[in-house]
Amino acid sequence: MRPFEYSRASSVGEARTLGGRFIAGGTNLLDLMKLEIETPEKIVDITRLPLNEIKETGDGGLKIGALVTNSVLAADERIRRDHEVLSRALLAGASGQLRNKASTGGNLLQRTRCGYFYETSQPCNKREPGSGCAAIGGFNRIHAILGASTNCIATHPSDMAVAMMALDAVVETEQADGHNREIPLRDFYRLPGDTPHIENELKDGELIVNIRLPKPKAGYHVYRKVRDRASYAFALVSVAAIVKMDGSEIAEASLAFGGLAHKPWRDPKLEAMLVGQTPKRKLFEDVADALLADAQGQGENDFKIPLARRTLISVLSEATQGA
């Protein structure tokens, strides 16, 4: 690890003025620094900031402080009762020890687990723009089948972000100049395009302070994660689904996907196909086909296309029967 300057901020304003790379739980950043994938010259410790509460909002939603740990968030009674898909996603991620340290804001910002990104002897446009993408034509079993580009086929690793995407979460930030900003999570992440090293819409010095959930979504909540082992493994395919029935018809639906793309994936077209329809396998198959219409495997990960199709059909069947 290279030498760096360490500072501890006592307020959001001080964190902004100190400049440098923010650190909270450090469950991803410290690994990246040890491997010299990220080499910040200055680290600003934000763990003393008053951003560790979960507060109710006037519209029936919740405001989650960026420093609330994943364990605390998953166990919160309001999350378990009203936003069950989020609690399930959090508990499906990492391990108990990591969840005790990992922060909500940091979880959103964790970097890909692509092996070539972590191997500094290999070309990676995300790590070193313009160097190439070794995963294309390489070992790419865990990589993207949607939204990729010729510059990058990495996936986003977060489970929590997938559930928050289905819940219409909003990221609240404070910019370097002190102005506040609200970014819907659906607009927060970027696809790789020609700039895979730019992963989200945050500006230099901008700090996530809260994540806001709107009023609870009624319906049956499912988080299905398909992975190589039962714990401490990233998703090959994951589906967050919330389905509300009105008699024999689907009244509302919200779907988000992990393990498929450079960002948590959500396509409103799929939800529109479900609303007003009577649940049938043929309907679910059509929705799955629409999701994967533009899917493209890279060889090792071709299996993800039929796997995603089967997983979505199964999740929709469970959600409509449970609702």
C-alpha atoms as a PDB file:
ATOM      1  CA  MET A   1       0.000   0.000   0.000  1.00  0.00           C
ATOM      2  CA  ARG A   2       1.338   3.407  -0.908  1.00  0.00           C
ATOM      3  CA  PRO A   3       1.653   6.163   1.722  1.00  0.00           C
ATOM      4  CA  PHE A   4      -1.349   8.464   2.061  1.00  0.00           C
ATOM      5  CA  GLU A   5      -2.520  11.334   4.210  1.00  0.00           C
ATOM      6  CA  TYR A   6      -5.295  10.534   6.699  1.00  0.00           C
ATOM      7  CA  SER A   7      -7.865  13.018   8.030  1.00  0.00           C
ATOM      8  CA  ARG A   8     -10.992  12.550  10.131  1.00  0.00           C
ATOM      9  CA  ALA A   9     -13.964  14.822   9.454  1.00  0.00           C
ATOM     10  CA  SER A  10     -16.335  15.896  12.220  1.00  0.00           C
ATOM     11  CA  SER A  11     -18.965  17.430   9.920  1.00  0.00           C
ATOM     12  CA  VAL A  12     -20.143  17.117   6.344  1.00  0.00           C
ATOM     13  CA  GLY A  13     -18.833  20.601   5.645  1.00  0.00           C
ATOM     14  CA  GLU A  14     -15.403  19.701   6.985  1.00  0.00           C
ATOM     15  CA  ALA A  15     -15.362  16.513   4.909  1.00  0.00           C
ATOM     16  CA  ARG A  16     -15.981  18.602   1.803  1.00  0.00           C
ATOM     17  CA  THR A  17     -13.242  21.097   2.559  1.00  0.00           C
ATOM     18  CA  LEU A  18     -10.648  18.493   3.502  1.00  0.00           C
ATOM     19  CA  GLY A  19     -10.838  16.946   0.036  1.00  0.00           C
ATOM     20  CA  GLY A  20      -9.622  13.463  -0.764  1.00  0.00           C
ATOM     21  CA  ARG A  21     -11.199  10.021  -0.963  1.00  0.00           C
ATOM     22  CA  PHE A  22     -13.994   9.403   1.531  1.00  0.00           C
ATOM     23  CA  ILE A  23     -13.858   6.209   3.581  1.00  0.00           C
ATOM     24  CA  ALA A  24     -16.489   4.690   5.885  1.00  0.00           C
ATOM     25  CA  GLY A  25     -16.493   0.915   6.422  1.00  0.00           C
ATOM     26  CA  GLY A  26     -13.650   0.449   3.973  1.00  0.00           C
ATOM     27  CA  THR A  27     -14.772  -3.058   3.015  1.00  0.00           C
ATOM     28  CA  ASN A  28     -13.973  -2.443  -0.664  1.00  0.00           C
ATOM     29  CA  LEU A  29     -11.673   0.601  -0.757  1.00  0.00           C
ATOM     30  CA  LEU A  30      -9.014  -0.860   1.538  1.00  0.00           C
ATOM     31  CA  ASP A  31      -8.700  -3.954  -0.643  1.00  0.00           C
ATOM     32  CA  LEU A  32      -8.353  -1.760  -3.710  1.00  0.00           C
ATOM     33  CA  MET A  33      -5.644   0.282  -2.022  1.00  0.00           C
ATOM     34  CA  LYS A  34      -3.699  -2.797  -0.919  1.00  0.00           C
ATOM     35  CA  LEU A  35      -3.655  -4.037  -4.504  1.00  0.00           C
ATOM     36  CA  GLU A  36      -2.772  -0.532  -5.786  1.00  0.00           C
ATOM     37  CA  ILE A  37      -5.864  -0.453  -7.982  1.00  0.00           C
ATOM     38  CA  GLU A  38      -6.792   2.778  -6.257  1.00  0.00           C
ATOM     39  CA  THR A  39      -3.978   4.941  -4.911  1.00  0.00           C
ATOM     40  CA  PRO A  40      -5.523   8.010  -3.252  1.00  0.00           C
ATOM     41  CA  GLU A  41      -3.052  10.498  -1.815  1.00  0.00           C
ATOM     42  CA  LYS A  42      -5.523  11.591   0.840  1.00  0.00           C
ATOM     43  CA  ILE A  43      -8.183   9.676   2.808  1.00  0.00           C
ATOM     44  CA  VAL A  44     -10.997  11.410   4.689  1.00  0.00           C
ATOM     45  CA  ASP A  45     -12.597   9.302   7.421  1.00  0.00           C
ATOM     46  CA  ILE A  46     -16.315  10.133   7.588  1.00  0.00           C
ATOM     47  CA  THR A  47     -17.345   7.595  10.235  1.00  0.00           C
ATOM     48  CA  ARG A  48     -17.883  10.335  12.861  1.00  0.00           C
ATOM     49  CA  LEU A  49     -20.468  12.185  10.766  1.00  0.00           C
ATOM     50  CA  PRO A  50     -24.103  12.195  11.983  1.00  0.00           C
ATOM     51  CA  LEU A  51     -25.336  10.041   9.085  1.00  0.00           C
ATOM     52  CA  ASN A  52     -26.157   6.814  10.899  1.00  0.00           C
ATOM     53  CA  GLU A  53     -29.896   7.103  11.497  1.00  0.00           C
ATOM     54  CA  ILE A  54     -32.985   5.810   9.724  1.00  0.00           C
ATOM     55  CA  LYS A  55     -35.716   8.451   9.882  1.00  0.00           C
ATOM     56  CA  GLU A  56     -39.324   8.448   8.740  1.00  0.00           C
ATOM     57  CA  THR A  57     -40.319  11.030   6.144  1.00  0.00           C
ATOM     58  CA  GLY A  58     -43.546  12.975   5.882  1.00  0.00           C
ATOM     59  CA  ASP A  59     -44.799  10.990   2.898  1.00  0.00           C
ATOM     60  CA  GLY A  60     -44.508   7.632   4.672  1.00  0.00           C
ATOM     61  CA  GLY A  61     -41.065   6.768   3.365  1.00  0.00           C
ATOM     62  CA  LEU A  62     -37.679   6.438   5.045  1.00  0.00           C
ATOM     63  CA  LYS A  63     -34.465   8.443   4.945  1.00  0.00           C
ATOM     64  CA  ILE A  64     -31.459   6.171   5.460  1.00  0.00           C
ATOM     65  CA  GLY A  65     -28.227   7.810   6.546  1.00  0.00           C
ATOM     66  CA  ALA A  66     -25.263   6.951   4.347  1.00  0.00           C
ATOM     67  CA  LEU A  67     -23.372   5.511   7.347  1.00  0.00           C
ATOM     68  CA  VAL A  68     -26.095   3.114   8.465  1.00  0.00           C
ATOM     69  CA  THR A  69     -24.476  -0.310   8.312  1.00  0.00           C
ATOM     70  CA  ASN A  70     -25.897  -3.080   6.178  1.00  0.00           C
ATOM     71  CA  SER A  71     -26.583  -5.174   9.301  1.00  0.00           C
ATOM     72  CA  VAL A  72     -28.543  -2.403  11.012  1.00  0.00           C
ATOM     73  CA  LEU A  73     -30.511  -1.652   7.850  1.00  0.00           C
ATOM     74  CA  ALA A  74     -31.414  -5.297   7.231  1.00  0.00           C
ATOM     75  CA  ALA A  75     -32.597  -5.736  10.819  1.00  0.00           C
ATOM     76  CA  ASP A  76     -34.636  -2.531  11.072  1.00  0.00           C
ATOM     77  CA  GLU A  77     -38.269  -3.378  11.805  1.00  0.00           C
ATOM     78  CA  ARG A  78     -39.589  -0.851   9.265  1.00  0.00           C
ATOM     79  CA  ILE A  79     -37.384  -2.254   6.520  1.00  0.00           C
ATOM     80  CA  ARG A  80     -38.376  -5.839   7.311  1.00  0.00           C
ATOM     81  CA  ARG A  81     -42.068  -4.943   7.421  1.00  0.00           C
ATOM     82  CA  ASP A  82     -42.480  -2.400   4.626  1.00  0.00           C
ATOM     83  CA  HIS A  83     -39.480  -2.901   2.323  1.00  0.00           C
ATOM     84  CA  GLU A  84     -38.931  -6.621   2.702  1.00  0.00           C
ATOM     85  CA  VAL A  85     -37.144  -7.024  -0.617  1.00  0.00           C
ATOM     86  CA  LEU A  86     -34.374  -4.742   0.673  1.00  0.00           C
ATOM     87  CA  SER A  87     -33.859  -6.705   3.878  1.00  0.00           C
ATOM     88  CA  ARG A  88     -33.713  -9.939   1.906  1.00  0.00           C
ATOM     89  CA  ALA A  89     -31.187  -8.517  -0.548  1.00  0.00           C
ATOM     90  CA  LEU A  90     -28.934  -7.224   2.219  1.00  0.00           C
ATOM     91  CA  LEU A  91     -28.924 -10.565   4.012  1.00  0.00           C
ATOM     92  CA  ALA A  92     -28.064 -12.312   0.739  1.00  0.00           C
ATOM     93  CA  GLY A  93     -24.911 -10.235   0.375  1.00  0.00           C
ATOM     94  CA  ALA A  94     -21.395 -10.688   1.766  1.00  0.00           C
ATOM     95  CA  SER A  95     -21.043 -12.156   5.287  1.00  0.00           C
ATOM     96  CA  GLY A  96     -22.204 -11.112   8.743  1.00  0.00           C
ATOM     97  CA  GLN A  97     -18.821  -9.596   9.551  1.00  0.00           C
ATOM     98  CA  LEU A  98     -18.749  -7.510   6.366  1.00  0.00           C
ATOM     99  CA  ARG A  99     -22.359  -6.386   6.804  1.00  0.00           C
ATOM    100  CA  ASN A 100     -21.430  -5.139  10.277  1.00  0.00           C
ATOM    101  CA  LYS A 101     -18.871  -2.782   8.720  1.00  0.00           C
ATOM    102  CA  ALA A 102     -20.233  -1.957   5.266  1.00  0.00           C
ATOM    103  CA  SER A 103     -22.150   1.323   4.999  1.00  0.00           C
ATOM    104  CA  THR A 104     -25.256   2.001   2.939  1.00  0.00           C
ATOM    105  CA  GLY A 105     -23.578   4.737   0.910  1.00  0.00           C
ATOM    106  CA  GLY A 106     -20.461   2.660   0.365  1.00  0.00           C
ATOM    107  CA  ASN A 107     -22.484  -0.339  -0.768  1.00  0.00           C
ATOM    108  CA  LEU A 108     -23.884   1.702  -3.640  1.00  0.00           C
ATOM    109  CA  LEU A 109     -20.362   2.707  -4.675  1.00  0.00           C
ATOM    110  CA  GLN A 110     -18.569  -0.633  -4.492  1.00  0.00           C
ATOM    111  CA  ARG A 111     -16.534  -1.507  -7.563  1.00  0.00           C
ATOM    112  CA  THR A 112     -16.830  -4.469  -9.891  1.00  0.00           C
ATOM    113  CA  ARG A 113     -15.364  -7.845  -8.934  1.00  0.00           C
ATOM    114  CA  CYS A 114     -14.055  -8.522 -12.439  1.00  0.00           C
ATOM    115  CA  GLY A 115     -10.815 -10.470 -12.034  1.00  0.00           C
ATOM    116  CA  TYR A 116      -9.045  -8.404 -14.683  1.00  0.00           C
ATOM    117  CA  PHE A 117      -9.911  -5.191 -12.853  1.00  0.00           C
ATOM    118  CA  TYR A 118      -8.092  -6.572  -9.807  1.00  0.00           C
ATOM    119  CA  GLU A 119      -5.108  -7.911 -11.767  1.00  0.00           C
ATOM    120  CA  THR A 120      -2.882  -4.926 -12.479  1.00  0.00           C
ATOM    121  CA  SER A 121      -0.786  -6.826 -15.023  1.00  0.00           C
ATOM    122  CA  GLN A 122      -3.837  -7.129 -17.295  1.00  0.00           C
ATOM    123  CA  PRO A 123      -5.410  -4.393 -19.457  1.00  0.00           C
ATOM    124  CA  CYS A 124      -8.601  -2.889 -18.029  1.00  0.00           C
ATOM    125  CA  ASN A 125     -10.343   0.228 -19.315  1.00  0.00           C
ATOM    126  CA  LYS A 126     -12.048   0.687 -15.970  1.00  0.00           C
ATOM    127  CA  ARG A 127      -8.742   0.755 -14.113  1.00  0.00           C
ATOM    128  CA  GLU A 128      -6.592   2.302 -16.855  1.00  0.00           C
ATOM    129  CA  PRO A 129      -8.705   4.002 -19.562  1.00  0.00           C
ATOM    130  CA  GLY A 130      -7.589   3.145 -23.075  1.00  0.00           C
ATOM    131  CA  SER A 131      -5.658   0.016 -22.136  1.00  0.00           C
ATOM    132  CA  GLY A 132      -8.286  -2.456 -23.364  1.00  0.00           C
ATOM    133  CA  CYS A 133     -10.618  -5.034 -21.819  1.00  0.00           C
ATOM    134  CA  ALA A 134      -8.993  -8.397 -21.129  1.00  0.00           C
ATOM    135  CA  ALA A 135     -12.343  -9.902 -20.120  1.00  0.00           C
ATOM    136  CA  ILE A 136     -13.524  -9.743 -23.730  1.00  0.00           C
ATOM    137  CA  GLY A 137     -12.173 -12.992 -25.096  1.00  0.00           C
ATOM    138  CA  GLY A 138     -10.885 -13.940 -21.644  1.00  0.00           C
ATOM    139  CA  PHE A 139     -12.426 -15.614 -18.609  1.00  0.00           C
ATOM    140  CA  ASN A 140     -15.776 -13.851 -18.455  1.00  0.00           C
ATOM    141  CA  ARG A 141     -18.134 -16.238 -16.669  1.00  0.00           C
ATOM    142  CA  ILE A 142     -19.446 -13.574 -14.249  1.00  0.00           C
ATOM    143  CA  HIS A 143     -19.664 -10.761 -16.776  1.00  0.00           C
ATOM    144  CA  ALA A 144     -22.443  -8.727 -18.349  1.00  0.00           C
ATOM    145  CA  ILE A 145     -24.954  -9.855 -20.951  1.00  0.00           C
ATOM    146  CA  LEU A 146     -26.884  -6.549 -21.048  1.00  0.00           C
ATOM    147  CA  GLY A 147     -25.734  -2.959 -21.566  1.00  0.00           C
ATOM    148  CA  ALA A 148     -22.074  -3.830 -22.139  1.00  0.00           C
ATOM    149  CA  SER A 149     -19.784  -2.169 -24.655  1.00  0.00           C
ATOM    150  CA  THR A 150     -16.640  -3.022 -26.596  1.00  0.00           C
ATOM    151  CA  ASN A 151     -14.725  -1.263 -23.827  1.00  0.00           C
ATOM    152  CA  CYS A 152     -16.067  -3.080 -20.776  1.00  0.00           C
ATOM    153  CA  ILE A 153     -18.271  -6.056 -19.873  1.00  0.00           C
ATOM    154  CA  ALA A 154     -17.998  -5.819 -16.073  1.00  0.00           C
ATOM    155  CA  THR A 155     -21.024  -6.151 -13.785  1.00  0.00           C
ATOM    156  CA  HIS A 156     -22.055  -4.235 -10.683  1.00  0.00           C
ATOM    157  CA  PRO A 157     -21.786  -6.458  -7.582  1.00  0.00           C
ATOM    158  CA  SER A 158     -24.300  -4.927  -5.150  1.00  0.00           C
ATOM    159  CA  ASP A 159     -27.383  -6.834  -3.977  1.00  0.00           C
ATOM    160  CA  MET A 160     -28.680  -3.883  -1.991  1.00  0.00           C
ATOM    161  CA  ALA A 161     -28.636  -1.592  -5.018  1.00  0.00           C
ATOM    162  CA  VAL A 162     -30.808  -4.027  -6.991  1.00  0.00           C
ATOM    163  CA  ALA A 163     -33.501  -3.983  -4.315  1.00  0.00           C
ATOM    164  CA  MET A 164     -33.260  -0.208  -3.956  1.00  0.00           C
ATOM    165  CA  MET A 165     -33.684   0.129  -7.710  1.00  0.00           C
ATOM    166  CA  ALA A 166     -36.959  -1.811  -7.485  1.00  0.00           C
ATOM    167  CA  LEU A 167     -38.036   0.426  -4.587  1.00  0.00           C
ATOM    168  CA  ASP A 168     -37.421   3.680  -6.530  1.00  0.00           C
ATOM    169  CA  ALA A 169     -34.754   4.898  -4.119  1.00  0.00           C
ATOM    170  CA  VAL A 170     -33.325   8.408  -4.378  1.00  0.00           C
ATOM    171  CA  VAL A 171     -29.713   9.288  -3.535  1.00  0.00           C
ATOM    172  CA  GLU A 172     -29.271  12.545  -1.608  1.00  0.00           C
ATOM    173  CA  THR A 173     -25.851  14.181  -1.835  1.00  0.00           C
ATOM    174  CA  GLU A 174     -23.962  17.262  -0.775  1.00  0.00           C
ATOM    175  CA  GLN A 175     -21.671  18.674  -3.435  1.00  0.00           C
ATOM    176  CA  ALA A 176     -18.227  20.169  -2.948  1.00  0.00           C
ATOM    177  CA  ASP A 177     -19.709  23.697  -3.140  1.00  0.00           C
ATOM    178  CA  GLY A 178     -22.237  22.910  -0.396  1.00  0.00           C
ATOM    179  CA  HIS A 179     -25.272  22.568  -2.644  1.00  0.00           C
ATOM    180  CA  ASN A 180     -27.548  19.560  -2.177  1.00  0.00           C
ATOM    181  CA  ARG A 181     -28.642  17.249  -4.950  1.00  0.00           C
ATOM    182  CA  GLU A 182     -31.183  14.442  -5.349  1.00  0.00           C
ATOM    183  CA  ILE A 183     -30.485  11.702  -7.896  1.00  0.00           C
ATOM    184  CA  PRO A 184     -33.020   8.930  -8.531  1.00  0.00           C
ATOM    185  CA  LEU A 185     -31.143   5.650  -8.324  1.00  0.00           C
ATOM    186  CA  ARG A 186     -32.362   4.776 -11.833  1.00  0.00           C
ATOM    187  CA  ASP A 187     -30.270   7.742 -13.059  1.00  0.00           C
ATOM    188  CA  PHE A 188     -27.358   7.333 -10.651  1.00  0.00           C
ATOM    189  CA  TYR A 189     -25.365   4.633 -12.452  1.00  0.00           C
ATOM    190  CA  ARG A 190     -23.847   4.826 -15.919  1.00  0.00           C
ATOM    191  CA  LEU A 191     -23.401   2.169 -18.575  1.00  0.00           C
ATOM    192  CA  PRO A 192     -19.776   1.669 -19.689  1.00  0.00           C
ATOM    193  CA  GLY A 193     -19.944   3.086 -23.215  1.00  0.00           C
ATOM    194  CA  ASP A 194     -16.583   4.665 -24.008  1.00  0.00           C
ATOM    195  CA  THR A 195     -15.913   5.672 -20.374  1.00  0.00           C
ATOM    196  CA  PRO A 196     -16.235   2.577 -18.153  1.00  0.00           C
ATOM    197  CA  HIS A 197     -14.072   4.250 -15.496  1.00  0.00           C
ATOM    198  CA  ILE A 198     -16.912   6.738 -14.861  1.00  0.00           C
ATOM    199  CA  GLU A 199     -19.405   4.553 -13.020  1.00  0.00           C
ATOM    200  CA  ASN A 200     -21.942   6.996 -11.594  1.00  0.00           C
ATOM    201  CA  GLU A 201     -23.108  10.608 -11.650  1.00  0.00           C
ATOM    202  CA  LEU A 202     -21.201  11.809  -8.575  1.00  0.00           C
ATOM    203  CA  LYS A 203     -18.946  14.808  -9.099  1.00  0.00           C
ATOM    204  CA  ASP A 204     -15.538  15.339  -7.491  1.00  0.00           C
ATOM    205  CA  GLY A 205     -15.948  15.964  -3.782  1.00  0.00           C
ATOM    206  CA  GLU A 206     -19.650  15.053  -3.779  1.00  0.00           C
ATOM    207  CA  LEU A 207     -20.710  13.016  -0.753  1.00  0.00           C
ATOM    208  CA  ILE A 208     -23.723  10.724  -0.399  1.00  0.00           C
ATOM    209  CA  VAL A 209     -25.511  11.765   2.797  1.00  0.00           C
ATOM    210  CA  ASN A 210     -28.794   9.852   2.623  1.00  0.00           C
ATOM    211  CA  ILE A 211     -30.722   7.345   0.561  1.00  0.00           C
ATOM    212  CA  ARG A 212     -34.447   8.013   0.541  1.00  0.00           C
ATOM    213  CA  LEU A 213     -37.098   5.367   0.052  1.00  0.00           C
ATOM    214  CA  PRO A 214     -40.587   6.539  -0.972  1.00  0.00           C
ATOM    215  CA  LYS A 215     -43.678   5.207   0.749  1.00  0.00           C
ATOM    216  CA  PRO A 216     -43.769   1.401   0.889  1.00  0.00           C
ATOM    217  CA  LYS A 217     -44.747  -0.550  -2.203  1.00  0.00           C
ATOM    218  CA  ALA A 218     -47.623  -2.884  -1.452  1.00  0.00           C
ATOM    219  CA  GLY A 219     -47.472  -6.409  -2.772  1.00  0.00           C
ATOM    220  CA  TYR A 220     -45.449  -9.576  -2.504  1.00  0.00           C
ATOM    221  CA  HIS A 221     -41.691  -9.032  -2.220  1.00  0.00           C
ATOM    222  CA  VAL A 222     -39.137 -11.476  -3.630  1.00  0.00           C
ATOM    223  CA  TYR A 223     -35.355 -11.336  -3.846  1.00  0.00           C
ATOM    224  CA  ARG A 224     -33.911 -14.315  -5.686  1.00  0.00           C
ATOM    225  CA  LYS A 225     -30.136 -14.637  -5.949  1.00  0.00           C
ATOM    226  CA  VAL A 226     -28.520 -17.347  -8.042  1.00  0.00           C
ATOM    227  CA  ARG A 227     -24.856 -17.869  -7.177  1.00  0.00           C
ATOM    228  CA  ASP A 228     -22.161 -20.523  -7.046  1.00  0.00           C
ATOM    229  CA  ARG A 229     -22.434 -21.145  -3.310  1.00  0.00           C
ATOM    230  CA  ALA A 230     -24.956 -20.429  -0.586  1.00  0.00           C
ATOM    231  CA  SER A 231     -23.150 -17.498   1.054  1.00  0.00           C
ATOM    232  CA  TYR A 232     -20.354 -14.984   0.514  1.00  0.00           C
ATOM    233  CA  ALA A 233     -20.707 -15.107  -3.256  1.00  0.00           C
ATOM    234  CA  PHE A 234     -21.745 -12.512  -5.813  1.00  0.00           C
ATOM    235  CA  ALA A 235     -24.810 -13.013  -7.975  1.00  0.00           C
ATOM    236  CA  LEU A 236     -24.645 -14.658 -11.348  1.00  0.00           C
ATOM    237  CA  VAL A 237     -28.262 -13.550 -11.723  1.00  0.00           C
ATOM    238  CA  SER A 238     -30.506 -11.845  -9.183  1.00  0.00           C
ATOM    239  CA  VAL A 239     -34.075 -10.595  -9.375  1.00  0.00           C
ATOM    240  CA  ALA A 240     -35.846  -8.148  -7.055  1.00  0.00           C
ATOM    241  CA  ALA A 241     -39.597  -8.262  -7.626  1.00  0.00           C
ATOM    242  CA  ILE A 242     -42.595  -6.577  -6.017  1.00  0.00           C
ATOM    243  CA  VAL A 243     -45.979  -7.634  -7.379  1.00  0.00           C
ATOM    244  CA  LYS A 244     -49.406  -6.465  -6.242  1.00  0.00           C
ATOM    245  CA  MET A 245     -52.500  -8.327  -7.358  1.00  0.00           C
ATOM    246  CA  ASP A 246     -56.041  -6.986  -7.773  1.00  0.00           C
ATOM    247  CA  GLY A 247     -58.239 -10.027  -7.868  1.00  0.00           C
ATOM    248  CA  SER A 248     -56.991 -12.207 -10.686  1.00  0.00           C
ATOM    249  CA  GLU A 249     -54.984  -9.456 -12.407  1.00  0.00           C
ATOM    250  CA  ILE A 250     -51.589  -7.915 -11.758  1.00  0.00           C
ATOM    251  CA  ALA A 251     -52.183  -4.372 -10.518  1.00  0.00           C
ATOM    252  CA  GLU A 252     -48.584  -3.214  -9.990  1.00  0.00           C
ATOM    253  CA  ALA A 253     -45.155  -4.647 -10.668  1.00  0.00           C
ATOM    254  CA  SER A 254     -41.589  -3.553 -10.023  1.00  0.00           C
ATOM    255  CA  LEU A 255     -38.609  -5.545 -11.301  1.00  0.00           C
ATOM    256  CA  ALA A 256     -34.851  -5.033 -11.027  1.00  0.00           C
ATOM    257  CA  PHE A 257     -31.954  -7.315 -11.899  1.00  0.00           C
ATOM    258  CA  GLY A 258     -28.398  -7.896 -10.729  1.00  0.00           C
ATOM    259  CA  GLY A 259     -25.479  -9.783 -12.194  1.00  0.00           C
ATOM    260  CA  LEU A 260     -26.526  -8.932 -15.747  1.00  0.00           C
ATOM    261  CA  ALA A 261     -25.091  -5.496 -16.442  1.00  0.00           C
ATOM    262  CA  HIS A 262     -22.692  -2.713 -15.501  1.00  0.00           C
ATOM    263  CA  LYS A 263     -25.411  -1.360 -13.222  1.00  0.00           C
ATOM    264  CA  PRO A 264     -28.527  -2.699 -11.486  1.00  0.00           C
ATOM    265  CA  TRP A 265     -30.872  -3.232 -14.412  1.00  0.00           C
ATOM    266  CA  ARG A 266     -34.462  -2.018 -14.620  1.00  0.00           C
ATOM    267  CA  ASP A 267     -36.657  -1.836 -17.704  1.00  0.00           C
ATOM    268  CA  PRO A 268     -40.103  -0.210 -17.228  1.00  0.00           C
ATOM    269  CA  LYS A 269     -41.279  -1.929 -20.396  1.00  0.00           C
ATOM    270  CA  LEU A 270     -41.289  -5.268 -18.586  1.00  0.00           C
ATOM    271  CA  GLU A 271     -43.470  -3.935 -15.780  1.00  0.00           C
ATOM    272  CA  ALA A 272     -45.909  -2.436 -18.270  1.00  0.00           C
ATOM    273  CA  MET A 273     -46.239  -5.840 -19.943  1.00  0.00           C
ATOM    274  CA  LEU A 274     -47.393  -7.348 -16.628  1.00  0.00           C
ATOM    275  CA  VAL A 275     -49.849  -4.736 -15.353  1.00  0.00           C
ATOM    276  CA  GLY A 276     -53.484  -5.550 -16.072  1.00  0.00           C
ATOM    277  CA  GLN A 277     -52.698  -9.103 -17.125  1.00  0.00           C
ATOM    278  CA  THR A 278     -53.755 -12.435 -15.669  1.00  0.00           C
ATOM    279  CA  PRO A 279     -50.692 -14.376 -14.487  1.00  0.00           C
ATOM    280  CA  LYS A 280     -49.818 -17.131 -16.947  1.00  0.00           C
ATOM    281  CA  ARG A 281     -46.591 -18.880 -17.812  1.00  0.00           C
ATOM    282  CA  LYS A 282     -46.810 -17.613 -21.392  1.00  0.00           C
ATOM    283  CA  LEU A 283     -46.955 -14.030 -20.083  1.00  0.00           C
ATOM    284  CA  PHE A 284     -43.904 -14.611 -17.900  1.00  0.00           C
ATOM    285  CA  GLU A 285     -42.032 -16.142 -20.821  1.00  0.00           C
ATOM    286  CA  ASP A 286     -42.840 -13.128 -22.977  1.00  0.00           C
ATOM    287  CA  VAL A 287     -41.556 -10.767 -20.272  1.00  0.00           C
ATOM    288  CA  ALA A 288     -38.358 -12.790 -19.930  1.00  0.00           C
ATOM    289  CA  ASP A 289     -37.883 -12.758 -23.699  1.00  0.00           C
ATOM    290  CA  ALA A 290     -38.312  -8.966 -23.704  1.00  0.00           C
ATOM    291  CA  LEU A 291     -35.718  -8.610 -20.936  1.00  0.00           C
ATOM    292  CA  LEU A 292     -33.191 -10.659 -22.893  1.00  0.00           C
ATOM    293  CA  ALA A 293     -33.998  -9.481 -26.424  1.00  0.00           C
ATOM    294  CA  ASP A 294     -30.671  -7.640 -26.673  1.00  0.00           C
ATOM    295  CA  ALA A 295     -28.660  -9.951 -24.427  1.00  0.00           C
ATOM    296  CA  GLN A 296     -25.249 -10.944 -25.698  1.00  0.00           C
ATOM    297  CA  GLY A 297     -23.000 -13.557 -24.159  1.00  0.00           C
ATOM    298  CA  GLN A 298     -19.222 -13.482 -24.309  1.00  0.00           C
ATOM    299  CA  GLY A 299     -18.627 -17.228 -24.449  1.00  0.00           C
ATOM    300  CA  GLU A 300     -18.005 -18.273 -20.847  1.00  0.00           C
ATOM    301  CA  ASN A 301     -21.131 -16.424 -19.667  1.00  0.00           C
ATOM    302  CA  ASP A 302     -23.552 -17.572 -22.381  1.00  0.00           C
ATOM    303  CA  PHE A 303     -25.309 -19.684 -19.745  1.00  0.00           C
ATOM    304  CA  LYS A 304     -26.530 -16.499 -18.040  1.00  0.00           C
ATOM    305  CA  ILE A 305     -29.112 -15.888 -20.773  1.00  0.00           C
ATOM    306  CA  PRO A 306     -31.189 -19.059 -20.183  1.00  0.00           C
ATOM    307  CA  LEU A 307     -30.446 -18.807 -16.438  1.00  0.00           C
ATOM    308  CA  ALA A 308     -31.868 -15.274 -16.264  1.00  0.00           C
ATOM    309  CA  ARG A 309     -34.904 -16.395 -18.245  1.00  0.00           C
ATOM    310  CA  ARG A 310     -35.651 -19.335 -15.932  1.00  0.00           C
ATOM    311  CA  THR A 311     -35.038 -17.251 -12.820  1.00  0.00           C
ATOM    312  CA  LEU A 312     -37.396 -14.454 -13.850  1.00  0.00           C
ATOM    313  CA  ILE A 313     -40.161 -16.877 -14.815  1.00  0.00           C
ATOM    314  CA  SER A 314     -39.811 -18.634 -11.457  1.00  0.00           C
ATOM    315  CA  VAL A 315     -39.797 -15.361  -9.499  1.00  0.00           C
ATOM    316  CA  LEU A 316     -42.900 -14.051 -11.290  1.00  0.00           C
ATOM    317  CA  SER A 317     -44.689 -17.325 -10.624  1.00  0.00           C
ATOM    318  CA  GLU A 318     -43.857 -17.118  -6.914  1.00  0.00           C
ATOM    319  CA  ALA A 319     -44.715 -13.426  -6.617  1.00  0.00           C
ATOM    320  CA  THR A 320     -48.123 -13.711  -8.307  1.00  0.00           C
ATOM    321  CA  GLN A 321     -49.099 -16.774  -6.317  1.00  0.00           C
ATOM    322  CA  GLY A 322     -47.898 -15.247  -3.050  1.00  0.00           C
ATOM    323  CA  ALA A 323     -49.611 -11.937  -3.669  1.00  0.00           C
END
